[in-house]
């Protein structure tokens, strides 16, 4: 018979759309064929198809390993399996330059719709309809395959909320609420639409350079196979693989608030491209993330901004019309998109706009709403850590390896061998030394960089204000 799940699709969707803190769903995916997608199974499905892996060092460096400072190789999953198990055959393969004990590999952000474009039947192995999103399958999902130590630098996603299914191995998630944004030292360099990075290496924070990080509150959870993590909108997250091989699948659930976020991203893109493109390119600053195809022109960026503003008002109008004339068809409330970065795809049909407003603000969250959430063995609350980090120094903070059910909280990356390691803001320590030795205006100008200016200009709080002013001007 059909497996009885702890939550109906309607109840699961209500939780996803209302919960403003991370939580883990259990016993919701036991009948999903995707649970069989371990690396061996995926290797057989791909049948020798080459995919790109990001290579990083297992290092204790104070600087995050951004994608701009990583190596990249193309290999089959069979070759990845051989390398991760230390087989001698890897001495001549694509991973031959990377000693397994010193490096990690990550086939991250692989669109299932692309890598299995000739096997569409596998899309139905992923059933997000169980969470209240009918029709959403693997086609609207992304696959992540990594070795031990593989990690994603701390960042927040500009669009949507996130559902993550763990399939093989375990991953540890370090999450921070939106209210901690200033403590995470946000930056848009490297630039990637929809991702705001943190300058802090969460695994090994430099508290001398980033002292406000002491005030951040980490929510840490170890995700095991069969569990689904909800990452609410605008929650920061640093993710690391803690087992020899990990496989996970995620899907970003787009929200009504994303329309304003796209206006903010269009403004950010225009400013970053304008200032960084004007710089001398010989300085070797890899400011554009590998996920971005090119530094688009001012004209294209302006067109993108106008399209985003137009889509915002179109959606506002559609929402107003829907409230005045409620639909009897119960139109699906999810924007169907295969990836979170729908660059310049800003058109908004009325049925796409009938979404719940998912604005999250920790300062306005009501305690009584949290009490109505059915936490228990099937929905596990992720608690904040309580350990005092004020005396943690610059060493790595130990993580809690206990089972998820025992985790009651506690405070609580990418290298290119032929390129100078990327240090944000041209190394704050060097800049500080320059200013200490010579406090003249000329010395101050020499210490500041374009990246320093951008960190202020495109700070999320500043961009949000600019977007609101721009929308108000357009509305008039």
Protein backbone atom coordinates (compact mmCIF):
# COMPACT_ATOMS: atom_id res chain seq x y z
CA UNK A 1 0.00 0.00 0.00
CA UNK A 2 0.92 3.65 -0.26
CA UNK A 3 3.12 4.90 2.54
CA UNK A 4 1.31 6.98 5.17
CA UNK A 5 3.19 10.23 5.70
CA UNK A 6 3.15 12.33 8.88
CA UNK A 7 1.98 15.45 7.01
CA UNK A 8 -0.47 15.85 4.17
CA UNK A 9 0.80 17.85 1.17
CA UNK A 10 -1.39 20.76 2.27
CA UNK A 11 0.01 20.74 5.82
CA UNK A 12 3.61 20.35 4.61
CA UNK A 13 3.18 23.33 2.30
CA UNK A 14 1.68 25.40 5.10
CA UNK A 15 4.77 24.65 7.22
CA UNK A 16 7.17 25.46 4.38
CA UNK A 17 5.45 28.75 3.59
CA UNK A 18 5.04 29.93 7.20
CA UNK A 19 8.04 28.67 9.16
CA UNK A 20 10.71 31.33 9.58
CA UNK A 21 13.47 29.18 11.01
CA UNK A 22 15.22 26.04 9.70
CA UNK A 23 13.65 22.67 10.41
CA UNK A 24 14.06 19.08 9.27
CA UNK A 25 11.25 16.90 7.89
CA UNK A 26 11.53 13.18 8.68
CA UNK A 27 9.60 10.20 7.31
CA UNK A 28 8.29 12.15 4.31
CA UNK A 29 10.25 10.60 1.44
CA UNK A 30 10.51 6.89 2.26
CA UNK A 31 8.80 5.90 -1.00
CA UNK A 32 10.74 8.25 -3.27
CA UNK A 33 12.75 6.35 -5.92
CA UNK A 34 15.34 9.15 -5.63
CA UNK A 35 16.47 7.67 -2.30
CA UNK A 36 18.28 5.04 -4.42
CA UNK A 37 20.37 7.73 -6.11
CA UNK A 38 23.69 6.96 -4.45
CA UNK A 39 26.82 7.58 -6.52
CA UNK A 40 26.99 4.01 -7.83
CA UNK A 41 23.39 4.19 -9.01
CA UNK A 42 23.92 7.63 -10.55
CA UNK A 43 27.08 6.41 -12.29
CA UNK A 44 25.09 3.63 -13.96
CA UNK A 45 22.35 6.09 -14.94
CA UNK A 46 24.84 8.53 -16.48
CA UNK A 47 26.69 5.70 -18.27
CA UNK A 48 30.06 7.40 -18.62
CA UNK A 49 28.79 10.95 -19.07
CA UNK A 50 31.36 13.60 -18.09
CA UNK A 51 30.44 16.18 -15.48
CA UNK A 52 32.43 19.05 -14.02
CA UNK A 53 33.91 18.84 -10.51
CA UNK A 54 35.13 21.75 -8.41
CA UNK A 55 38.37 20.98 -6.58
CA UNK A 56 39.34 22.59 -3.27
CA UNK A 57 41.98 22.13 -0.61
CA UNK A 58 41.26 20.61 2.78
CA UNK A 59 42.71 23.65 4.47
CA UNK A 60 42.40 25.67 7.66
CA UNK A 61 42.91 28.98 5.88
CA UNK A 62 41.16 32.08 7.23
CA UNK A 63 39.82 32.99 3.78
CA UNK A 64 36.75 31.25 2.30
CA UNK A 65 37.47 29.07 -0.73
CA UNK A 66 35.34 30.89 -3.26
CA UNK A 67 34.60 29.31 -6.62
CA UNK A 68 36.88 31.83 -8.32
CA UNK A 69 39.90 30.34 -6.53
CA UNK A 70 39.16 26.67 -7.24
CA UNK A 71 40.42 24.19 -9.81
CA UNK A 72 37.99 22.41 -12.13
CA UNK A 73 38.11 19.02 -13.85
CA UNK A 74 35.70 17.02 -15.98
CA UNK A 75 35.29 13.37 -15.06
CA UNK A 76 32.82 10.52 -14.88
CA UNK A 77 31.21 9.46 -11.62
CA UNK A 78 33.07 6.17 -11.98
CA UNK A 79 36.38 8.08 -11.96
CA UNK A 80 35.17 10.12 -8.99
CA UNK A 81 34.33 6.92 -7.09
CA UNK A 82 37.76 5.47 -7.84
CA UNK A 83 39.51 8.64 -6.69
CA UNK A 84 37.45 8.99 -3.52
CA UNK A 85 38.30 5.40 -2.56
CA UNK A 86 42.02 5.90 -3.27
CA UNK A 87 42.31 3.41 -6.14
CA UNK A 88 45.71 3.35 -7.98
CA UNK A 89 43.96 3.79 -11.34
CA UNK A 90 43.48 7.46 -10.46
CA UNK A 91 47.18 8.14 -10.91
CA UNK A 92 46.56 8.78 -14.62
CA UNK A 93 42.97 10.00 -14.55
CA UNK A 94 41.45 13.50 -14.34
CA UNK A 95 42.01 13.56 -10.55
CA UNK A 96 45.68 12.53 -10.82
CA UNK A 97 46.93 15.98 -9.77
CA UNK A 98 44.90 15.97 -6.57
CA UNK A 99 45.86 13.78 -3.63
CA UNK A 100 42.67 12.54 -2.03
CA UNK A 101 43.91 13.24 1.50
CA UNK A 102 44.59 16.89 0.64
CA UNK A 103 41.74 17.81 -1.73
CA UNK A 104 37.98 17.53 -1.98
CA UNK A 105 35.83 17.37 -5.11
CA UNK A 106 32.32 18.73 -5.58
CA UNK A 107 29.98 18.21 -8.52
CA UNK A 108 27.70 20.95 -7.30
CA UNK A 109 24.69 22.72 -8.70
CA UNK A 110 23.97 20.17 -11.44
CA UNK A 111 20.53 20.72 -12.98
CA UNK A 112 18.82 17.35 -13.13
CA UNK A 113 16.90 18.56 -16.18
CA UNK A 114 20.20 19.00 -18.03
CA UNK A 115 22.27 16.00 -16.99
CA UNK A 116 19.33 13.65 -17.55
CA UNK A 117 17.85 15.44 -20.55
CA UNK A 118 17.75 12.16 -22.46
CA UNK A 119 16.14 10.27 -19.56
CA UNK A 120 13.16 12.38 -18.57
CA UNK A 121 11.52 9.44 -16.82
CA UNK A 122 13.95 9.88 -13.91
CA UNK A 123 12.45 13.30 -13.12
CA UNK A 124 9.52 11.53 -11.46
CA UNK A 125 11.88 9.91 -8.93
CA UNK A 126 11.74 13.24 -7.06
CA UNK A 127 8.28 14.04 -5.71
CA UNK A 128 8.04 17.51 -4.20
CA UNK A 129 4.27 17.12 -4.59
CA UNK A 130 4.40 15.43 -1.18
CA UNK A 131 5.30 18.86 0.21
CA UNK A 132 2.34 20.54 -1.44
CA UNK A 133 3.88 21.50 -4.77
CA UNK A 134 2.12 19.36 -7.40
CA UNK A 135 3.99 18.95 -10.63
CA UNK A 136 7.35 19.86 -9.10
CA UNK A 137 9.80 17.02 -9.66
CA UNK A 138 13.45 16.41 -10.44
CA UNK A 139 13.04 18.64 -13.46
CA UNK A 140 12.89 21.62 -11.09
CA UNK A 141 15.68 20.32 -8.87
CA UNK A 142 19.45 20.36 -8.58
CA UNK A 143 21.91 17.55 -7.76
CA UNK A 144 24.98 17.86 -5.50
CA UNK A 145 27.71 15.17 -5.28
CA UNK A 146 30.77 15.68 -3.08
CA UNK A 147 33.64 14.04 -1.25
CA UNK A 148 34.54 14.56 2.39
CA UNK A 149 35.40 18.19 3.06
CA UNK A 150 33.55 19.55 0.02
CA UNK A 151 31.85 22.77 1.00
CA UNK A 152 29.87 25.76 -0.14
CA UNK A 153 31.10 29.16 1.13
CA UNK A 154 28.70 30.92 3.47
CA UNK A 155 26.06 32.82 1.50
CA UNK A 156 22.40 33.65 1.32
CA UNK A 157 20.13 33.12 -1.68
CA UNK A 158 18.34 36.23 -2.88
CA UNK A 159 15.38 34.26 -4.21
CA UNK A 160 12.97 31.78 -2.66
CA UNK A 161 13.21 29.28 0.15
CA UNK A 162 15.01 25.96 -0.15
CA UNK A 163 14.06 22.30 0.36
CA UNK A 164 17.05 19.92 0.53
CA UNK A 165 16.84 16.11 0.44
CA UNK A 166 19.86 14.18 1.71
CA UNK A 167 20.39 10.88 -0.14
CA UNK A 168 23.88 9.55 0.62
CA UNK A 169 26.25 10.45 3.44
CA UNK A 170 25.80 13.37 5.80
CA UNK A 171 26.18 17.11 5.44
CA UNK A 172 26.57 19.63 8.21
CA UNK A 173 24.69 22.90 7.77
CA UNK A 174 25.66 26.08 9.59
CA UNK A 175 22.76 28.53 9.26
CA UNK A 176 22.43 32.16 10.37
CA UNK A 177 19.23 34.23 10.50
CA UNK A 178 18.66 37.23 8.20
CA UNK A 179 19.11 39.55 11.18
CA UNK A 180 22.77 38.51 11.41
CA UNK A 181 23.61 39.90 7.96
CA UNK A 182 25.87 42.68 9.26
CA UNK A 183 27.77 40.18 11.43
CA UNK A 184 28.51 38.03 8.35
CA UNK A 185 30.26 40.86 6.43
CA UNK A 186 28.29 40.52 3.17
CA UNK A 187 30.05 41.00 -0.16
CA UNK A 188 29.10 40.73 -3.83
CA UNK A 189 32.64 39.87 -4.90
CA UNK A 190 32.83 37.29 -6.36
CA UNK A 191 29.68 38.40 -8.15
CA UNK A 192 26.93 35.90 -8.83
CA UNK A 193 23.32 36.82 -9.40
CA UNK A 194 21.14 35.68 -6.49
CA UNK A 195 24.03 34.81 -4.12
CA UNK A 196 25.32 37.18 -1.45
CA UNK A 197 28.55 35.79 0.00
CA UNK A 198 30.08 36.26 3.43
CA UNK A 199 33.72 37.27 3.80
CA UNK A 200 33.98 35.05 6.88
CA UNK A 201 35.30 31.51 6.66
CA UNK A 202 32.72 29.94 8.97
CA UNK A 203 34.89 26.87 9.56
CA UNK A 204 37.84 29.01 10.63
CA UNK A 205 36.76 32.62 11.33
CA UNK A 206 39.29 35.42 11.46
CA UNK A 207 37.92 37.33 14.45
CA UNK A 208 40.63 39.96 14.24
CA UNK A 209 39.52 40.92 10.75
CA UNK A 210 35.80 40.27 11.32
CA UNK A 211 35.15 40.91 15.04
CA UNK A 212 31.38 41.37 14.65
CA UNK A 213 31.10 37.69 13.71
CA UNK A 214 31.22 37.03 17.45
CA UNK A 215 27.67 38.37 17.61
CA UNK A 216 26.30 35.97 14.99
CA UNK A 217 24.11 33.08 16.11
CA UNK A 218 24.67 29.80 14.29
CA UNK A 219 21.99 27.13 13.88
CA UNK A 220 23.85 23.89 13.18
CA UNK A 221 22.31 20.64 12.00
CA UNK A 222 23.71 17.42 10.54
CA UNK A 223 21.45 16.21 7.75
CA UNK A 224 21.23 12.42 7.27
CA UNK A 225 19.87 10.34 4.37
CA UNK A 226 16.09 10.46 4.06
CA UNK A 227 15.76 13.81 5.81
CA UNK A 228 14.63 17.05 4.18
CA UNK A 229 15.89 20.41 5.41
CA UNK A 230 13.89 23.60 5.05
CA UNK A 231 16.11 26.65 4.60
CA UNK A 232 13.85 29.70 4.99
CA UNK A 233 14.17 32.77 2.83
CA UNK A 234 17.34 34.83 3.28
CA UNK A 235 18.94 32.52 5.84
CA UNK A 236 22.73 32.40 5.50
CA UNK A 237 24.24 28.92 5.18
CA UNK A 238 27.63 27.24 5.04
CA UNK A 239 27.44 23.57 4.01
CA UNK A 240 30.12 20.90 4.37
CA UNK A 241 30.25 17.20 3.49
CA UNK A 242 31.34 15.17 6.52
CA UNK A 243 31.26 11.66 5.02
CA UNK A 244 33.43 10.15 2.28
CA UNK A 245 30.71 10.66 -0.35
CA UNK A 246 27.57 12.77 -0.17
CA UNK A 247 24.61 13.12 -2.52
CA UNK A 248 21.75 15.56 -2.08
CA UNK A 249 18.94 17.09 -4.13
CA UNK A 250 17.37 20.49 -3.62
CA UNK A 251 14.66 22.68 -5.09
CA UNK A 252 14.18 26.41 -4.61
CA UNK A 253 10.56 27.36 -4.01
CA UNK A 254 10.01 30.75 -5.59
CA UNK A 255 8.03 33.31 -3.65
CA UNK A 256 6.08 36.50 -4.26
CA UNK A 257 8.81 38.53 -2.56
CA UNK A 258 11.25 37.42 -5.27
CA UNK A 259 9.86 40.05 -7.66
CA UNK A 260 11.23 42.87 -5.54
CA UNK A 261 14.41 40.85 -4.97
CA UNK A 262 14.95 40.72 -8.73
CA UNK A 263 14.80 44.50 -8.87
CA UNK A 264 17.45 44.58 -6.13
CA UNK A 265 19.60 42.08 -8.03
CA UNK A 266 19.29 44.12 -11.24
CA UNK A 267 20.51 47.24 -9.41
CA UNK A 268 23.37 45.28 -7.88
CA UNK A 269 24.41 43.83 -11.23
CA UNK A 270 24.49 47.24 -12.83
CA UNK A 271 26.70 48.72 -10.11
CA UNK A 272 29.08 45.76 -9.84
CA UNK A 273 29.57 45.41 -13.61
CA UNK A 274 30.03 49.15 -14.07
CA UNK A 275 32.69 49.55 -11.40
CA UNK A 276 34.56 46.28 -11.88
CA UNK A 277 34.58 46.55 -15.66
CA UNK A 278 36.17 49.98 -15.32
CA UNK A 279 39.09 48.54 -13.34
CA UNK A 280 42.44 47.60 -14.80
CA UNK A 281 41.97 43.92 -15.71
CA UNK A 282 45.67 43.19 -15.22
CA UNK A 283 45.32 43.13 -11.44
CA UNK A 284 44.21 39.49 -11.58
CA UNK A 285 41.08 39.99 -9.47
CA UNK A 286 38.68 37.17 -10.50
CA UNK A 287 35.57 39.11 -9.50
CA UNK A 288 33.06 37.28 -11.72
CA UNK A 289 31.93 33.91 -10.36
CA UNK A 290 32.32 30.95 -12.77
CA UNK A 291 28.54 30.54 -12.77
CA UNK A 292 28.23 33.91 -14.56
CA UNK A 293 28.78 33.72 -18.32
CA UNK A 294 30.01 37.27 -18.81
CA UNK A 295 30.12 40.81 -17.46
CA UNK A 296 27.08 42.16 -19.25
CA UNK A 297 27.06 45.68 -20.72
CA UNK A 298 25.44 48.70 -19.11
CA UNK A 299 22.74 48.71 -21.78
CA UNK A 300 21.80 45.08 -21.13
CA UNK A 301 21.84 45.62 -17.37
CA UNK A 302 19.57 48.65 -17.71
CA UNK A 303 17.19 46.61 -19.86
CA UNK A 304 17.21 43.89 -17.20
CA UNK A 305 16.39 46.48 -14.52
CA UNK A 306 13.44 47.81 -16.52
CA UNK A 307 12.14 44.30 -17.11
CA UNK A 308 12.42 43.48 -13.40
CA UNK A 309 10.52 46.65 -12.44
CA UNK A 310 7.85 45.92 -15.05
CA UNK A 311 7.46 42.35 -13.79
CA UNK A 312 7.16 43.60 -10.21
CA UNK A 313 4.25 45.89 -11.03
CA UNK A 314 2.63 43.29 -13.27
CA UNK A 315 2.64 40.87 -10.36
CA UNK A 316 1.32 43.54 -7.98
CA UNK A 317 -1.55 44.17 -10.37
CA UNK A 318 -2.25 40.47 -10.75
CA UNK A 319 -2.33 40.03 -6.97
CA UNK A 320 -4.74 42.94 -6.57
CA UNK A 321 -6.97 41.50 -9.26
CA UNK A 322 -6.87 38.06 -7.65
CA UNK A 323 -7.90 39.52 -4.28
CA UNK A 324 -10.79 41.37 -5.91
CA UNK A 325 -11.87 38.31 -7.94
CA UNK A 326 -10.73 35.12 -6.17
CA UNK A 327 -10.06 32.25 -8.54
CA UNK A 328 -12.20 29.16 -8.13
CA UNK A 329 -9.60 26.97 -9.78
CA UNK A 330 -7.09 27.07 -6.93
CA UNK A 331 -4.22 27.84 -9.25
CA UNK A 332 -0.90 26.35 -8.32
CA UNK A 333 1.04 28.74 -6.07
CA UNK A 334 4.56 27.94 -7.18
CA UNK A 335 6.61 29.52 -9.94
CA UNK A 336 7.92 26.60 -11.92
CA UNK A 337 11.61 27.21 -12.54
CA UNK A 338 14.39 24.64 -12.98
CA UNK A 339 16.93 26.77 -11.14
CA UNK A 340 17.03 29.58 -8.64
CA UNK A 341 18.93 31.97 -10.91
CA UNK A 342 16.29 32.88 -13.48
CA UNK A 343 18.49 35.59 -14.97
CA UNK A 344 16.56 38.14 -16.97
CA UNK A 345 13.59 35.74 -17.07
CA UNK A 346 11.43 38.28 -15.30
CA UNK A 347 8.10 38.02 -17.10
CA UNK A 348 5.26 37.29 -14.71
CA UNK A 349 2.05 35.62 -15.75
CA UNK A 350 -0.95 36.07 -13.43
CA UNK A 351 -0.93 32.44 -12.35
CA UNK A 352 2.71 32.84 -11.36
CA UNK A 353 1.88 35.71 -9.07
CA UNK A 354 -0.70 34.13 -6.81
CA UNK A 355 1.98 33.36 -4.23
CA UNK A 356 2.11 33.84 -0.53
CA UNK A 357 4.17 36.82 0.55
CA UNK A 358 7.14 35.21 2.24
CA UNK A 359 8.89 38.22 3.77
CA UNK A 360 10.91 37.03 6.73
CA UNK A 361 12.00 39.29 9.56
CA UNK A 362 13.24 37.84 12.84
CA UNK A 363 12.21 41.02 14.63
CA UNK A 364 8.56 40.63 13.64
CA UNK A 365 8.21 36.90 13.99
CA UNK A 366 5.38 36.06 16.39
CA UNK A 367 6.06 33.47 19.10
CA UNK A 368 2.49 32.23 18.94
CA UNK A 369 2.99 31.23 15.28
CA UNK A 370 5.99 29.12 16.24
CA UNK A 371 3.91 27.36 18.87
CA UNK A 372 1.42 26.26 16.20
CA UNK A 373 4.12 24.47 14.20
CA UNK A 374 3.81 20.70 14.85
CA UNK A 375 7.38 20.05 15.99
CA UNK A 376 8.08 16.48 17.04
CA UNK A 377 9.69 13.31 15.70
CA UNK A 378 8.55 14.14 12.13
CA UNK A 379 9.49 17.84 12.13
CA UNK A 380 12.64 18.64 14.07
CA UNK A 381 13.41 22.19 15.08
CA UNK A 382 16.98 23.37 14.46
CA UNK A 383 18.17 25.18 17.58
CA UNK A 384 20.70 28.01 17.83
CA UNK A 385 24.07 27.25 19.32
CA UNK A 386 24.89 28.73 22.68
CA UNK A 387 28.66 28.40 22.99
CA UNK A 388 30.44 31.70 23.60
CA UNK A 389 32.78 32.47 20.70
CA UNK A 390 34.20 35.69 22.12
CA UNK A 391 37.41 33.89 23.09
CA UNK A 392 37.52 31.51 20.14
CA UNK A 393 40.47 33.33 18.57
CA UNK A 394 41.13 32.52 14.93
CA UNK A 395 41.09 28.74 15.19
CA UNK A 396 38.41 26.50 13.79
CA UNK A 397 35.35 26.06 15.98
CA UNK A 398 34.55 22.44 16.81
CA UNK A 399 31.26 21.12 15.43
CA UNK A 400 28.75 18.89 17.12
CA UNK A 401 28.66 15.38 15.61
CA UNK A 402 25.69 14.14 17.62
CA UNK A 403 22.67 12.65 15.92
CA UNK A 404 20.04 15.11 14.72
CA UNK A 405 17.58 14.04 17.40
CA UNK A 406 20.16 14.82 20.08
CA UNK A 407 21.29 18.11 18.57
CA UNK A 408 20.20 20.85 20.90
CA UNK A 409 22.57 23.34 19.38
CA UNK A 410 25.78 25.04 20.34
CA UNK A 411 27.72 27.96 18.61
CA UNK A 412 28.49 26.64 15.89
CA UNK A 413 36.70 25.68 0.90
CA UNK A 414 38.42 26.55 -3.21
CA UNK A 415 42.03 27.06 -4.39
CA UNK A 416 43.65 27.69 -7.79
CA UNK A 417 47.23 26.42 -7.80
CA UNK A 418 48.44 28.85 -10.49
CA UNK A 419 46.63 31.96 -9.29
CA UNK A 420 47.19 34.22 -6.30
CA UNK A 421 44.74 33.31 -3.57
CA UNK A 422 41.73 35.60 -3.52
CA UNK A 423 41.60 37.80 -0.42
CA UNK A 424 38.58 40.05 -0.13
CA UNK A 425 39.10 43.81 0.18
CA UNK A 426 42.79 43.35 -0.70
CA UNK A 427 43.43 41.89 2.75
CA UNK A 428 42.04 44.01 5.56
CA UNK A 429 45.16 43.48 7.63
CA UNK A 430 47.42 44.98 4.95
CA UNK A 431 45.07 47.93 4.56
CA UNK A 432 45.04 48.51 8.31
CA UNK A 433 48.84 48.48 8.44
CA UNK A 434 49.02 51.02 5.61
CA UNK A 435 46.68 53.38 7.43
CA UNK A 436 48.54 52.97 10.71
CA UNK A 437 51.87 53.86 9.14
CA UNK A 438 50.58 56.89 7.23
CA UNK A 439 47.27 58.52 8.10
CA UNK A 440 47.40 61.04 5.25
CA UNK A 441 44.51 61.22 2.75
CA UNK A 442 46.73 59.76 0.02
CA UNK A 443 47.51 56.73 2.18
CA UNK A 444 43.83 56.22 2.93
CA UNK A 445 42.96 56.32 -0.77
CA UNK A 446 45.67 53.78 -1.52
CA UNK A 447 44.31 51.43 1.16
CA UNK A 448 40.74 51.42 -0.13
CA UNK A 449 39.80 49.34 -3.15
CA UNK A 450 36.91 49.10 -5.58
CA UNK A 451 35.74 46.08 -3.62
CA UNK A 452 35.64 48.16 -0.42
CA UNK A 453 33.46 50.74 -2.15
CA UNK A 454 31.20 48.04 -3.57
CA UNK A 455 30.79 46.42 -0.17
CA UNK A 456 29.18 49.69 0.94
CA UNK A 457 27.27 50.53 -2.24
CA UNK A 458 25.72 47.10 -2.74
CA UNK A 459 25.24 46.21 0.91
CA UNK A 460 21.86 44.39 1.07
CA UNK A 461 20.37 47.11 3.29
CA UNK A 462 21.45 49.89 0.93
CA UNK A 463 20.24 48.05 -2.18
CA UNK A 464 16.88 47.35 -0.56
CA UNK A 465 16.42 51.05 0.14
CA UNK A 466 17.46 52.01 -3.40
CA UNK A 467 15.02 49.47 -4.85
CA UNK A 468 12.17 50.82 -2.73
CA UNK A 469 12.96 54.39 -3.79
CA UNK A 470 13.17 53.34 -7.44
CA UNK A 471 9.86 51.46 -7.29
CA UNK A 472 8.21 54.42 -5.60
CA UNK A 473 9.51 56.74 -8.32
CA UNK A 474 8.27 54.37 -11.02
CA UNK A 475 4.90 53.96 -9.30
CA UNK A 476 4.37 57.75 -9.43
